[in-house]
Amino acid sequence: MSINTVPSTPTIQYSINVIQDEARHLVEKGIISRQQPIYVLCQYIPAREWVCVECELERCDFLLRDRIGDLIGSEEWDND
């Protein structure tokens, strides 16, 4: 009798650009604020993938206590 294991679903690779785009989207929708710490993103990213996000943020020298505004950079306005 052999035991077959089902391969786990591959986790999404989060690049810093993907993380920034997700944060920017949440800010634009008014769900989160630029003043909040980066760790609030964990509420919007699946728990099993959060470790990958943390690793990418650390690799890019971001701390979870840094502000969302630091992560997404300056805002661009279409009209002044």
N, C-alpha and C. Protein backbone atom coordinates (compact mmCIF):
# COMPACT_ATOMS: atom_id res chain seq x y z
N MET A 1 0.84 -1.18 0.00
CA MET A 1 0.00 0.00 0.00
C MET A 1 0.89 1.25 0.00
N SER A 2 0.66 2.12 -0.96
CA SER A 2 1.44 3.35 -1.02
C SER A 2 0.57 4.55 -0.69
N ILE A 3 1.20 5.52 -0.14
CA ILE A 3 0.47 6.75 0.22
C ILE A 3 0.80 7.80 -0.82
N ASN A 4 -0.23 8.28 -1.46
CA ASN A 4 -0.05 9.35 -2.44
C ASN A 4 -0.30 10.68 -1.75
N THR A 5 0.62 11.57 -1.93
CA THR A 5 0.41 12.90 -1.37
C THR A 5 0.00 13.84 -2.48
N VAL A 6 -0.89 14.70 -2.16
CA VAL A 6 -1.34 15.70 -3.12
C VAL A 6 -0.40 16.88 -3.01
N PRO A 7 0.17 17.29 -4.13
CA PRO A 7 1.06 18.45 -4.04
C PRO A 7 0.28 19.68 -3.58
N SER A 8 0.92 20.45 -2.73
CA SER A 8 0.24 21.65 -2.26
C SER A 8 0.16 22.66 -3.39
N THR A 9 -0.84 23.49 -3.30
CA THR A 9 -0.98 24.51 -4.34
C THR A 9 0.19 25.47 -4.23
N PRO A 10 0.74 25.85 -5.36
CA PRO A 10 1.90 26.75 -5.30
C PRO A 10 1.50 28.10 -4.72
N THR A 11 2.38 28.64 -3.90
CA THR A 11 2.08 29.96 -3.34
C THR A 11 2.46 31.02 -4.35
N ILE A 12 1.78 32.10 -4.29
CA ILE A 12 2.04 33.23 -5.19
C ILE A 12 3.33 33.90 -4.75
N GLN A 13 4.16 34.22 -5.68
CA GLN A 13 5.38 34.95 -5.37
C GLN A 13 5.03 36.44 -5.35
N TYR A 14 5.31 37.07 -4.26
CA TYR A 14 5.01 38.49 -4.11
C TYR A 14 6.29 39.29 -4.34
N SER A 15 6.34 40.00 -5.45
CA SER A 15 7.46 40.92 -5.67
C SER A 15 7.11 42.22 -4.97
N ILE A 16 8.11 43.05 -4.77
CA ILE A 16 7.85 44.34 -4.12
C ILE A 16 6.86 45.16 -4.95
N ASN A 17 6.91 45.03 -6.27
CA ASN A 17 5.97 45.78 -7.12
C ASN A 17 4.54 45.32 -6.90
N VAL A 18 4.33 44.03 -6.74
CA VAL A 18 2.98 43.50 -6.49
C VAL A 18 2.48 43.99 -5.14
N ILE A 19 3.34 43.97 -4.14
CA ILE A 19 2.95 44.44 -2.81
C ILE A 19 2.60 45.93 -2.85
N GLN A 20 3.42 46.70 -3.54
CA GLN A 20 3.16 48.14 -3.66
C GLN A 20 1.85 48.40 -4.40
N ASP A 21 1.60 47.65 -5.46
CA ASP A 21 0.36 47.83 -6.22
C ASP A 21 -0.85 47.50 -5.36
N GLU A 22 -0.76 46.43 -4.59
CA GLU A 22 -1.87 46.04 -3.71
C GLU A 22 -2.11 47.12 -2.66
N ALA A 23 -1.05 47.62 -2.06
CA ALA A 23 -1.18 48.68 -1.05
C ALA A 23 -1.77 49.93 -1.67
N ARG A 24 -1.29 50.31 -2.85
CA ARG A 24 -1.79 51.51 -3.54
C ARG A 24 -3.28 51.37 -3.83
N HIS A 25 -3.68 50.18 -4.28
CA HIS A 25 -5.09 49.92 -4.58
C HIS A 25 -5.95 50.08 -3.32
N LEU A 26 -5.49 49.54 -2.20
CA LEU A 26 -6.24 49.64 -0.95
C LEU A 26 -6.33 51.09 -0.47
N VAL A 27 -5.28 51.87 -0.67
CA VAL A 27 -5.29 53.29 -0.30
C VAL A 27 -6.26 54.06 -1.19
N GLU A 28 -6.20 53.79 -2.50
CA GLU A 28 -7.09 54.50 -3.44
C GLU A 28 -8.55 54.21 -3.14
N LYS A 29 -8.85 52.99 -2.69
CA LYS A 29 -10.23 52.63 -2.35
C LYS A 29 -10.65 53.17 -0.98
N GLY A 30 -9.70 53.73 -0.23
CA GLY A 30 -10.01 54.25 1.09
C GLY A 30 -10.11 53.18 2.16
N ILE A 31 -9.62 51.99 1.88
CA ILE A 31 -9.71 50.88 2.83
C ILE A 31 -8.64 51.01 3.91
N ILE A 32 -7.46 51.45 3.50
CA ILE A 32 -6.39 51.72 4.44
C ILE A 32 -5.86 53.13 4.18
N SER A 33 -5.07 53.62 5.12
CA SER A 33 -4.51 54.97 5.03
C SER A 33 -3.00 54.90 4.79
N ARG A 34 -2.47 55.92 4.13
CA ARG A 34 -1.02 56.01 3.92
C ARG A 34 -0.27 56.12 5.25
N GLN A 35 -0.97 56.54 6.31
CA GLN A 35 -0.33 56.74 7.62
C GLN A 35 -0.24 55.44 8.42
N GLN A 36 -0.98 54.41 8.03
CA GLN A 36 -0.97 53.16 8.79
C GLN A 36 0.33 52.39 8.55
N PRO A 37 0.70 51.54 9.51
CA PRO A 37 1.90 50.72 9.32
C PRO A 37 1.67 49.64 8.26
N ILE A 38 2.74 49.22 7.65
CA ILE A 38 2.67 48.22 6.58
C ILE A 38 2.00 46.93 7.04
N TYR A 39 2.16 46.59 8.33
CA TYR A 39 1.60 45.31 8.77
C TYR A 39 0.08 45.21 8.65
N VAL A 40 -0.63 46.32 8.43
CA VAL A 40 -2.08 46.23 8.23
C VAL A 40 -2.41 45.45 6.94
N LEU A 41 -1.45 45.36 6.04
CA LEU A 41 -1.68 44.60 4.80
C LEU A 41 -1.97 43.13 5.07
N CYS A 42 -1.52 42.63 6.23
CA CYS A 42 -1.73 41.21 6.53
C CYS A 42 -3.21 40.86 6.60
N GLN A 43 -4.06 41.85 6.81
CA GLN A 43 -5.52 41.62 6.84
C GLN A 43 -6.08 41.36 5.45
N TYR A 44 -5.32 41.71 4.41
CA TYR A 44 -5.83 41.63 3.04
C TYR A 44 -5.06 40.63 2.19
N ILE A 45 -4.10 39.96 2.78
CA ILE A 45 -3.30 38.96 2.07
C ILE A 45 -3.47 37.65 2.82
N PRO A 46 -3.74 36.55 2.11
CA PRO A 46 -3.96 35.26 2.78
C PRO A 46 -2.81 34.92 3.73
N ALA A 47 -3.16 34.39 4.90
CA ALA A 47 -2.17 34.10 5.94
C ALA A 47 -1.04 33.21 5.44
N ARG A 48 -1.37 32.23 4.61
CA ARG A 48 -0.33 31.31 4.14
C ARG A 48 0.66 32.00 3.21
N GLU A 49 0.29 33.15 2.67
CA GLU A 49 1.16 33.89 1.76
C GLU A 49 1.87 35.06 2.44
N TRP A 50 1.44 35.39 3.66
CA TRP A 50 1.99 36.54 4.35
C TRP A 50 3.48 36.39 4.62
N VAL A 51 3.94 35.16 4.90
CA VAL A 51 5.36 34.94 5.14
C VAL A 51 6.19 35.37 3.93
N CYS A 52 5.70 35.08 2.73
CA CYS A 52 6.40 35.49 1.51
C CYS A 52 6.45 37.01 1.40
N VAL A 53 5.36 37.65 1.77
CA VAL A 53 5.30 39.13 1.73
C VAL A 53 6.30 39.71 2.72
N GLU A 54 6.32 39.16 3.94
CA GLU A 54 7.27 39.64 4.95
C GLU A 54 8.71 39.50 4.47
N CYS A 55 9.02 38.36 3.87
CA CYS A 55 10.38 38.13 3.38
C CYS A 55 10.76 39.14 2.29
N GLU A 56 9.84 39.41 1.38
CA GLU A 56 10.11 40.36 0.30
C GLU A 56 10.27 41.78 0.85
N LEU A 57 9.43 42.15 1.80
CA LEU A 57 9.55 43.47 2.42
C LEU A 57 10.91 43.61 3.12
N GLU A 58 11.30 42.57 3.85
CA GLU A 58 12.58 42.59 4.54
C GLU A 58 13.73 42.67 3.55
N ARG A 59 13.63 41.92 2.47
CA ARG A 59 14.66 41.93 1.43
C ARG A 59 14.84 43.32 0.85
N CYS A 60 13.75 44.07 0.79
CA CYS A 60 13.78 45.43 0.22
C CYS A 60 13.93 46.50 1.30
N ASP A 61 14.32 46.08 2.49
CA ASP A 61 14.60 47.00 3.61
C ASP A 61 13.39 47.76 4.13
N PHE A 62 12.22 47.14 4.09
CA PHE A 62 11.03 47.72 4.71
C PHE A 62 10.78 47.00 6.01
N LEU A 63 10.35 47.74 7.02
CA LEU A 63 9.96 47.17 8.30
C LEU A 63 8.44 47.18 8.37
N LEU A 64 7.87 46.22 9.09
CA LEU A 64 6.41 46.15 9.19
C LEU A 64 5.84 47.37 9.89
N ARG A 65 6.64 48.06 10.67
CA ARG A 65 6.15 49.27 11.35
C ARG A 65 6.27 50.51 10.47
N ASP A 66 6.97 50.42 9.33
CA ASP A 66 7.04 51.55 8.40
C ASP A 66 5.64 51.88 7.89
N ARG A 67 5.46 53.08 7.45
CA ARG A 67 4.15 53.54 6.97
C ARG A 67 3.87 53.05 5.55
N ILE A 68 2.60 52.85 5.25
CA ILE A 68 2.17 52.48 3.90
C ILE A 68 2.68 53.51 2.91
N GLY A 69 2.64 54.79 3.29
CA GLY A 69 3.12 55.86 2.41
C GLY A 69 4.58 55.67 2.01
N ASP A 70 5.39 55.15 2.92
CA ASP A 70 6.79 54.87 2.59
C ASP A 70 6.90 53.76 1.56
N LEU A 71 6.01 52.80 1.65
CA LEU A 71 6.01 51.66 0.74
C LEU A 71 5.57 52.06 -0.67
N ILE A 72 4.51 52.84 -0.76
CA ILE A 72 3.96 53.15 -2.09
C ILE A 72 4.54 54.41 -2.71
N GLY A 73 5.27 55.18 -1.92
CA GLY A 73 5.90 56.38 -2.48
C GLY A 73 4.91 57.52 -2.64
N SER A 74 5.32 58.51 -3.40
CA SER A 74 4.49 59.70 -3.56
C SER A 74 3.31 59.41 -4.47
N GLU A 75 2.24 60.13 -4.21
CA GLU A 75 1.02 59.98 -5.02
C GLU A 75 1.15 60.82 -6.28
N GLU A 76 0.54 60.32 -7.34
CA GLU A 76 0.47 61.09 -8.58
C GLU A 76 -0.96 61.56 -8.76
N TRP A 77 -1.10 62.83 -9.05
CA TRP A 77 -2.42 63.43 -9.23
C TRP A 77 -2.67 63.66 -10.71
N ASP A 78 -3.86 63.30 -11.16
CA ASP A 78 -4.23 63.51 -12.56
C ASP A 78 -4.52 64.97 -12.85
N ASN A 79 -5.08 65.67 -11.86
CA ASN A 79 -5.39 67.08 -12.06
C ASN A 79 -4.98 67.88 -10.83
N ASP A 80 -4.53 69.07 -11.05
CA ASP A 80 -4.10 69.91 -9.92
C ASP A 80 -5.07 71.04 -9.69
